[in-house]
Amino acid sequence: MPNHDELAALRRRPGRVVHRVRFALGLALGATALSTALATGACRSEQPAREGIATEKLLVTKVAAAPALSEPLPRANADRAVTWGEAYFVRARRPELEWVGQFEGRLERRTGLVELVRTATDAPRFGFDADFLEADVPTAAWLCPRMALGRAVSTSDCADRLRRTVATESTLLAYVPCWQSDCPIAELLAGVVHGATVPALSEVRIVALDERPIVLAWSHWSRSREWTGQSLVVMRLAPPLERAGEISLSETDARDPAGVVYWLGRLEIRADGLRVTGRRSVRDRISNRELSGTDVDERFGLGADGKLEKR
């Protein structure tokens, strides 16, 4: 993993051609600027830029999802993925390597291996040049002092761990994963940083839902020592940017002496919406024998009012 000096060296490397980033995902969404403030939690801030925005050249994923590897090997499993808009530093390139493997049920071929890191604290992953373009992205040093960091994250922690995602041609999302109750996430639009928080935020993705770009945020929660889980927070990228709804992805509830409730869902991001499948069961505390259970198959989309709804 790169240290501060290595990241500084990466930032100084000359770029190739700087492209204008556009939201595509195979849909004709147009180039409408999405102007709004994020409303995912009680803590909000709006910080206008009083000077020019400092940027650096990073690789940005230009497709909905593409294969990524844990090891730079020709037949390595694509056990990771890079997704739309994620911004990466380049550590090294191996243009001679040709990779063949399965990704999302398809046989894929790639050349032009690139070693990538999102932050100084992330393990590297290996992607391929064809799935990226180079873009000017606002720096962590510029963004962090303008975000609503709260008590969970210091400015120096933010600089080390900030992840950036280009949501549309005019909107950037930036967030810091953390296990505290309030993790900072921000939207940069027209020189203004709109800050908010999401509880125990681990990951953010931009996807198309009903032909509209939306934000998916993975949030972990703990209501007590015996009751924990994970939710998918869905946020609309449409004026005003707001929370559209929440989907339960996992839950363990051991409050009842008669049995423990288990739920682990599998999320599919589909062209016609979001699908969650799995089994919710109650199991004996001692033997782990299933006492009762229900198969779950739920589909979600956006309603006419922009809120998340079951279908």
Protein backbone atom coordinates (compact mmCIF):
# COMPACT_ATOMS: atom_id res chain seq x y z
CA MET A 1 0.00 0.00 0.00
CA PRO A 2 1.34 3.46 -0.82
CA ASN A 3 2.43 5.85 1.87
CA HIS A 4 2.04 9.63 1.72
CA ASP A 5 5.26 10.09 -0.29
CA GLU A 6 4.21 7.42 -2.81
CA LEU A 7 0.81 9.02 -3.27
CA ALA A 8 2.46 12.38 -3.78
CA ALA A 9 4.66 10.82 -6.46
CA LEU A 10 1.60 9.28 -8.13
CA ARG A 11 -0.07 12.68 -8.22
CA ARG A 12 2.93 14.21 -10.00
CA ARG A 13 2.94 11.69 -12.87
CA PRO A 14 2.02 13.30 -16.16
CA GLY A 15 -1.35 12.27 -17.56
CA ARG A 16 -2.34 11.27 -21.04
CA VAL A 17 -5.52 12.78 -22.45
CA VAL A 18 -8.02 14.33 -20.05
CA HIS A 19 -11.57 13.35 -20.99
CA ARG A 20 -14.83 14.86 -19.85
CA VAL A 21 -16.60 12.40 -17.57
CA ARG A 22 -20.23 11.63 -18.45
CA PHE A 23 -22.78 9.40 -16.77
CA ALA A 24 -23.56 6.62 -19.24
CA LEU A 25 -24.21 3.11 -17.89
CA GLY A 26 -25.53 2.31 -21.36
CA LEU A 27 -28.50 4.68 -20.90
CA ALA A 28 -29.32 7.92 -22.68
CA LEU A 29 -29.51 9.97 -19.49
CA GLY A 30 -28.26 13.16 -21.10
CA ALA A 31 -25.93 15.71 -19.59
CA THR A 32 -28.29 17.41 -17.16
CA ALA A 33 -26.45 18.99 -14.24
CA LEU A 34 -27.84 17.59 -11.01
CA SER A 35 -28.00 20.40 -8.48
CA THR A 36 -28.91 19.60 -4.87
CA ALA A 37 -27.83 19.01 -1.29
CA LEU A 38 -27.44 15.58 0.25
CA ALA A 39 -30.07 14.69 2.83
CA THR A 40 -29.01 11.35 4.29
CA GLY A 41 -28.82 12.36 7.94
CA ALA A 42 -29.34 15.08 10.48
CA CYS A 43 -25.87 16.56 10.02
CA ARG A 44 -25.66 18.72 6.90
CA SER A 45 -23.39 21.49 5.68
CA GLU A 46 -22.98 23.55 2.55
CA GLN A 47 -19.52 24.94 1.91
CA PRO A 48 -19.03 27.15 -1.17
CA ALA A 49 -15.64 27.29 -2.78
CA ARG A 50 -13.99 30.65 -2.21
CA GLU A 51 -11.12 29.83 -4.50
CA GLY A 52 -10.36 27.54 -7.39
CA ILE A 53 -10.86 23.81 -6.89
CA ALA A 54 -7.58 21.89 -6.60
CA THR A 55 -7.61 18.81 -8.82
CA GLU A 56 -5.40 15.89 -9.77
CA LYS A 57 -5.44 13.44 -12.65
CA LEU A 58 -6.89 10.06 -11.69
CA LEU A 59 -8.28 7.08 -13.57
CA VAL A 60 -12.08 6.92 -13.41
CA THR A 61 -14.14 3.84 -14.22
CA LYS A 62 -16.18 4.55 -17.35
CA VAL A 63 -18.39 1.42 -17.36
CA ALA A 64 -21.08 0.13 -14.99
CA ALA A 65 -18.84 -2.69 -13.74
CA ALA A 66 -15.63 -4.31 -14.94
CA PRO A 67 -13.35 -7.13 -13.73
CA ALA A 68 -10.63 -6.49 -11.19
CA LEU A 69 -8.10 -8.93 -9.79
CA SER A 70 -6.43 -9.42 -6.43
CA GLU A 71 -3.28 -10.72 -8.14
CA PRO A 72 -1.68 -9.70 -11.46
CA LEU A 73 -1.88 -13.14 -13.07
CA PRO A 74 -3.16 -14.10 -16.57
CA ARG A 75 -5.68 -16.61 -15.19
CA ALA A 76 -6.47 -15.02 -11.84
CA ASN A 77 -10.10 -14.99 -10.73
CA ALA A 78 -11.92 -11.71 -11.15
CA ASP A 79 -12.79 -11.72 -7.44
CA ARG A 80 -13.20 -7.96 -7.35
CA ALA A 81 -14.84 -5.33 -9.50
CA VAL A 82 -14.42 -1.70 -10.40
CA THR A 83 -17.68 0.20 -10.82
CA TRP A 84 -18.93 3.37 -12.47
CA GLY A 85 -17.19 6.59 -11.52
CA GLU A 86 -14.71 5.23 -8.96
CA ALA A 87 -11.50 7.29 -8.96
CA TYR A 88 -8.12 5.56 -8.64
CA PHE A 89 -4.43 6.34 -8.38
CA VAL A 90 -2.20 4.34 -10.72
CA ARG A 91 0.72 2.59 -9.03
CA ALA A 92 2.06 0.67 -12.03
CA ARG A 93 1.18 -0.60 -15.49
CA ARG A 94 1.81 -3.98 -17.14
CA PRO A 95 0.59 -3.51 -20.72
CA GLU A 96 1.97 -6.86 -21.87
CA LEU A 97 -0.23 -8.97 -19.59
CA GLU A 98 -3.30 -10.58 -21.21
CA TRP A 99 -6.06 -11.82 -18.93
CA VAL A 100 -8.88 -14.25 -19.74
CA GLY A 101 -11.55 -15.17 -17.22
CA GLN A 102 -15.17 -15.14 -16.11
CA PHE A 103 -16.88 -11.98 -14.95
CA GLU A 104 -20.60 -11.76 -14.16
CA GLY A 105 -21.25 -14.99 -16.09
CA ARG A 106 -19.37 -13.92 -19.21
CA LEU A 107 -15.98 -14.86 -20.62
CA GLU A 108 -13.91 -11.67 -20.74
CA ARG A 109 -10.54 -10.84 -22.31
CA ARG A 110 -8.45 -7.87 -21.26
CA THR A 111 -4.98 -6.43 -21.86
CA GLY A 112 -3.23 -3.44 -20.35
CA LEU A 113 -3.15 -4.34 -16.66
CA VAL A 114 -3.14 -1.41 -14.23
CA GLU A 115 -2.35 -1.58 -10.51
CA LEU A 116 -4.82 0.70 -8.73
CA VAL A 117 -5.43 2.15 -5.26
CA ARG A 118 -8.23 4.44 -4.13
CA THR A 119 -6.54 5.70 -0.95
CA ALA A 120 -3.35 5.34 1.08
CA THR A 121 -5.01 2.73 3.31
CA ASP A 122 -6.57 0.49 0.64
CA ALA A 123 -5.09 -2.74 -0.66
CA PRO A 124 -4.30 -2.57 -4.40
CA ARG A 125 -6.48 -4.12 -7.06
CA PHE A 126 -5.65 -4.76 -10.68
CA GLY A 127 -7.88 -3.45 -13.46
CA PHE A 128 -7.50 -2.85 -17.18
CA ASP A 129 -6.90 0.35 -19.12
CA ALA A 130 -9.85 -0.13 -21.46
CA ASP A 131 -12.31 0.24 -18.56
CA PHE A 132 -11.06 3.68 -17.47
CA LEU A 133 -10.60 7.21 -18.64
CA GLU A 134 -8.42 9.91 -17.16
CA ALA A 135 -10.07 12.89 -15.52
CA ASP A 136 -9.33 15.88 -13.32
CA VAL A 137 -10.74 15.02 -9.89
CA PRO A 138 -10.83 17.35 -6.84
CA THR A 139 -8.14 16.44 -4.34
CA ALA A 140 -8.72 15.05 -0.86
CA ALA A 141 -6.74 17.99 0.54
CA TRP A 142 -9.27 20.38 -1.02
CA LEU A 143 -12.41 18.38 -0.18
CA CYS A 144 -11.80 17.27 3.41
CA PRO A 145 -11.77 20.72 5.10
CA ARG A 146 -15.08 21.48 3.38
CA MET A 147 -16.88 18.30 4.42
CA ALA A 148 -19.04 17.80 7.51
CA LEU A 149 -16.61 15.36 9.15
CA GLY A 150 -18.10 15.46 12.63
CA ARG A 151 -16.47 13.59 15.49
CA ALA A 152 -16.01 10.29 13.69
CA VAL A 153 -13.25 11.38 11.28
CA SER A 154 -10.47 13.94 11.62
CA THR A 155 -9.23 16.01 8.70
CA SER A 156 -6.01 13.98 8.55
CA ASP A 157 -7.96 10.70 8.61
CA CYS A 158 -10.14 12.03 5.83
CA ALA A 159 -7.10 12.85 3.69
CA ASP A 160 -5.84 9.27 4.12
CA ARG A 161 -9.15 7.46 3.58
CA LEU A 162 -11.33 9.63 1.36
CA ARG A 163 -12.88 7.81 -1.60
CA ARG A 164 -14.13 9.75 -4.59
CA THR A 165 -16.72 8.76 -7.19
CA VAL A 166 -17.69 10.77 -10.27
CA ALA A 167 -21.49 10.50 -10.25
CA THR A 168 -22.32 12.60 -13.32
CA GLU A 169 -20.52 15.05 -15.55
CA SER A 170 -21.21 17.77 -12.98
CA THR A 171 -21.38 15.92 -9.65
CA LEU A 172 -18.71 14.30 -7.50
CA LEU A 173 -19.38 12.16 -4.43
CA ALA A 174 -16.78 11.83 -1.69
CA TYR A 175 -17.01 9.70 1.45
CA VAL A 176 -14.95 8.22 4.27
CA PRO A 177 -15.78 4.63 5.30
CA CYS A 178 -15.97 4.22 9.07
CA TRP A 179 -17.56 2.09 11.77
CA GLN A 180 -18.84 5.00 13.84
CA SER A 181 -22.45 6.13 13.90
CA ASP A 182 -21.89 9.07 11.56
CA CYS A 183 -19.61 8.66 8.54
CA PRO A 184 -19.14 11.69 6.28
CA ILE A 185 -20.38 11.73 2.71
CA ALA A 186 -20.48 14.80 0.49
CA GLU A 187 -21.61 15.97 -2.91
CA LEU A 188 -19.63 18.55 -4.87
CA LEU A 189 -21.68 20.46 -7.42
CA ALA A 190 -20.96 23.83 -9.03
CA GLY A 191 -18.15 24.52 -6.56
CA VAL A 192 -20.34 23.88 -3.51
CA VAL A 193 -19.78 20.97 -1.11
CA HIS A 194 -22.98 19.61 0.42
CA GLY A 195 -22.14 17.44 3.42
CA ALA A 196 -24.10 14.77 5.27
CA THR A 197 -23.61 11.53 7.20
CA VAL A 198 -24.54 7.85 6.83
CA PRO A 199 -24.23 5.47 9.81
CA ALA A 200 -21.28 3.04 9.65
CA LEU A 201 -20.78 3.57 5.93
CA SER A 202 -18.66 0.96 4.14
CA GLU A 203 -19.22 1.44 0.41
CA VAL A 204 -20.91 3.74 -2.11
CA ARG A 205 -21.87 2.96 -5.71
CA ILE A 206 -23.57 4.89 -8.50
CA VAL A 207 -26.05 2.84 -10.55
CA ALA A 208 -28.96 3.44 -12.90
CA LEU A 209 -32.41 2.65 -11.52
CA ASP A 210 -35.41 3.24 -13.77
CA GLU A 211 -33.11 5.19 -16.09
CA ARG A 212 -32.09 7.55 -13.30
CA PRO A 213 -28.69 7.72 -11.60
CA ILE A 214 -28.91 6.87 -7.91
CA VAL A 215 -26.52 6.38 -5.00
CA LEU A 216 -26.33 3.06 -3.14
CA ALA A 217 -24.71 3.30 0.30
CA TRP A 218 -23.96 0.21 2.43
CA SER A 219 -24.68 1.04 6.08
CA HIS A 220 -24.10 -1.18 9.11
CA TRP A 221 -26.17 -0.80 12.25
CA SER A 222 -26.22 -2.04 15.86
CA ARG A 223 -29.36 -1.41 17.89
CA SER A 224 -28.04 -3.50 20.79
CA ARG A 225 -25.39 -6.15 21.51
CA GLU A 226 -27.91 -8.81 20.41
CA TRP A 227 -29.37 -7.03 17.39
CA THR A 228 -27.19 -6.03 14.43
CA GLY A 229 -27.44 -5.85 10.66
CA GLN A 230 -26.68 -4.11 7.38
CA SER A 231 -28.90 -1.91 5.22
CA LEU A 232 -28.66 -0.48 1.73
CA VAL A 233 -29.47 3.24 1.79
CA VAL A 234 -30.79 4.43 -1.58
CA MET A 235 -30.43 8.11 -2.47
CA ARG A 236 -31.76 9.91 -5.53
CA LEU A 237 -29.56 12.03 -7.77
CA ALA A 238 -32.36 14.38 -8.76
CA PRO A 239 -33.26 17.86 -7.45
CA PRO A 240 -33.24 17.84 -4.49
CA LEU A 241 -30.83 15.01 -3.82
CA GLU A 242 -32.51 13.03 -1.08
CA ARG A 243 -32.89 9.71 0.66
CA ALA A 244 -35.26 7.51 -1.36
CA GLY A 245 -35.48 4.52 0.97
CA GLU A 246 -33.67 1.64 2.67
CA ILE A 247 -33.39 -2.11 2.05
CA SER A 248 -32.41 -4.67 4.69
CA LEU A 249 -29.48 -6.84 3.54
CA SER A 250 -28.67 -8.74 6.73
CA GLU A 251 -29.83 -9.07 10.33
CA THR A 252 -29.01 -11.08 13.44
CA ASP A 253 -31.52 -10.74 16.29
CA ALA A 254 -30.70 -12.74 19.41
CA ARG A 255 -32.99 -10.94 21.85
CA ASP A 256 -35.54 -13.75 22.05
CA PRO A 257 -34.44 -16.70 24.28
CA ALA A 258 -36.56 -19.04 22.13
CA GLY A 259 -34.41 -18.60 19.02
CA VAL A 260 -32.12 -16.40 16.96
CA VAL A 261 -33.39 -14.63 13.85
CA TYR A 262 -30.98 -14.79 10.90
CA TRP A 263 -31.31 -12.96 7.61
CA LEU A 264 -28.69 -12.68 4.86
CA GLY A 265 -29.80 -11.26 1.54
CA ARG A 266 -28.16 -11.30 -1.88
CA LEU A 267 -28.40 -8.05 -3.83
CA GLU A 268 -28.72 -8.02 -7.62
CA ILE A 269 -28.47 -4.73 -9.49
CA ARG A 270 -30.59 -5.27 -12.58
CA ALA A 271 -31.75 -3.17 -15.50
CA ASP A 272 -35.32 -3.37 -14.22
CA GLY A 273 -34.50 -2.55 -10.60
CA LEU A 274 -32.95 -3.97 -7.45
CA ARG A 275 -33.58 -7.57 -6.41
CA VAL A 276 -32.91 -9.07 -2.97
CA THR A 277 -33.13 -12.82 -2.42
CA GLY A 278 -32.32 -15.03 0.56
CA ARG A 279 -33.88 -16.80 3.52
CA ARG A 280 -35.03 -15.37 6.83
CA SER A 281 -34.97 -18.05 9.53
CA VAL A 282 -35.27 -18.61 13.25
CA ARG A 283 -32.70 -21.05 14.64
CA ASP A 284 -32.25 -22.87 17.92
CA ARG A 285 -29.58 -21.23 20.08
CA ILE A 286 -27.90 -24.52 21.01
CA SER A 287 -28.15 -26.80 17.98
CA ASN A 288 -28.54 -24.10 15.28
CA ARG A 289 -31.44 -26.16 13.91
CA GLU A 290 -33.88 -24.15 11.85
CA LEU A 291 -37.15 -23.77 13.73
CA SER A 292 -38.94 -21.79 11.00
CA GLY A 293 -38.01 -19.97 7.82
CA THR A 294 -39.23 -17.97 4.87
CA ASP A 295 -37.67 -17.59 1.42
CA VAL A 296 -37.40 -13.95 0.35
CA ASP A 297 -37.50 -12.64 -3.22
CA GLU A 298 -38.15 -8.90 -3.34
CA ARG A 299 -37.80 -6.36 -6.13
CA PHE A 300 -37.47 -2.61 -5.73
CA GLY A 301 -37.70 0.41 -7.99
CA LEU A 302 -38.42 4.12 -7.85
CA GLY A 303 -42.00 5.32 -7.73
CA ALA A 304 -43.41 8.37 -9.45
CA ASP A 305 -42.46 10.42 -6.38
CA GLY A 306 -38.86 9.21 -6.52
CA LYS A 307 -39.20 7.07 -3.40
CA LEU A 308 -38.12 3.45 -3.22
CA GLU A 309 -41.00 1.00 -3.55
CA LYS A 310 -41.51 -2.77 -3.74
CA ARG A 311 -42.70 -4.25 -7.01
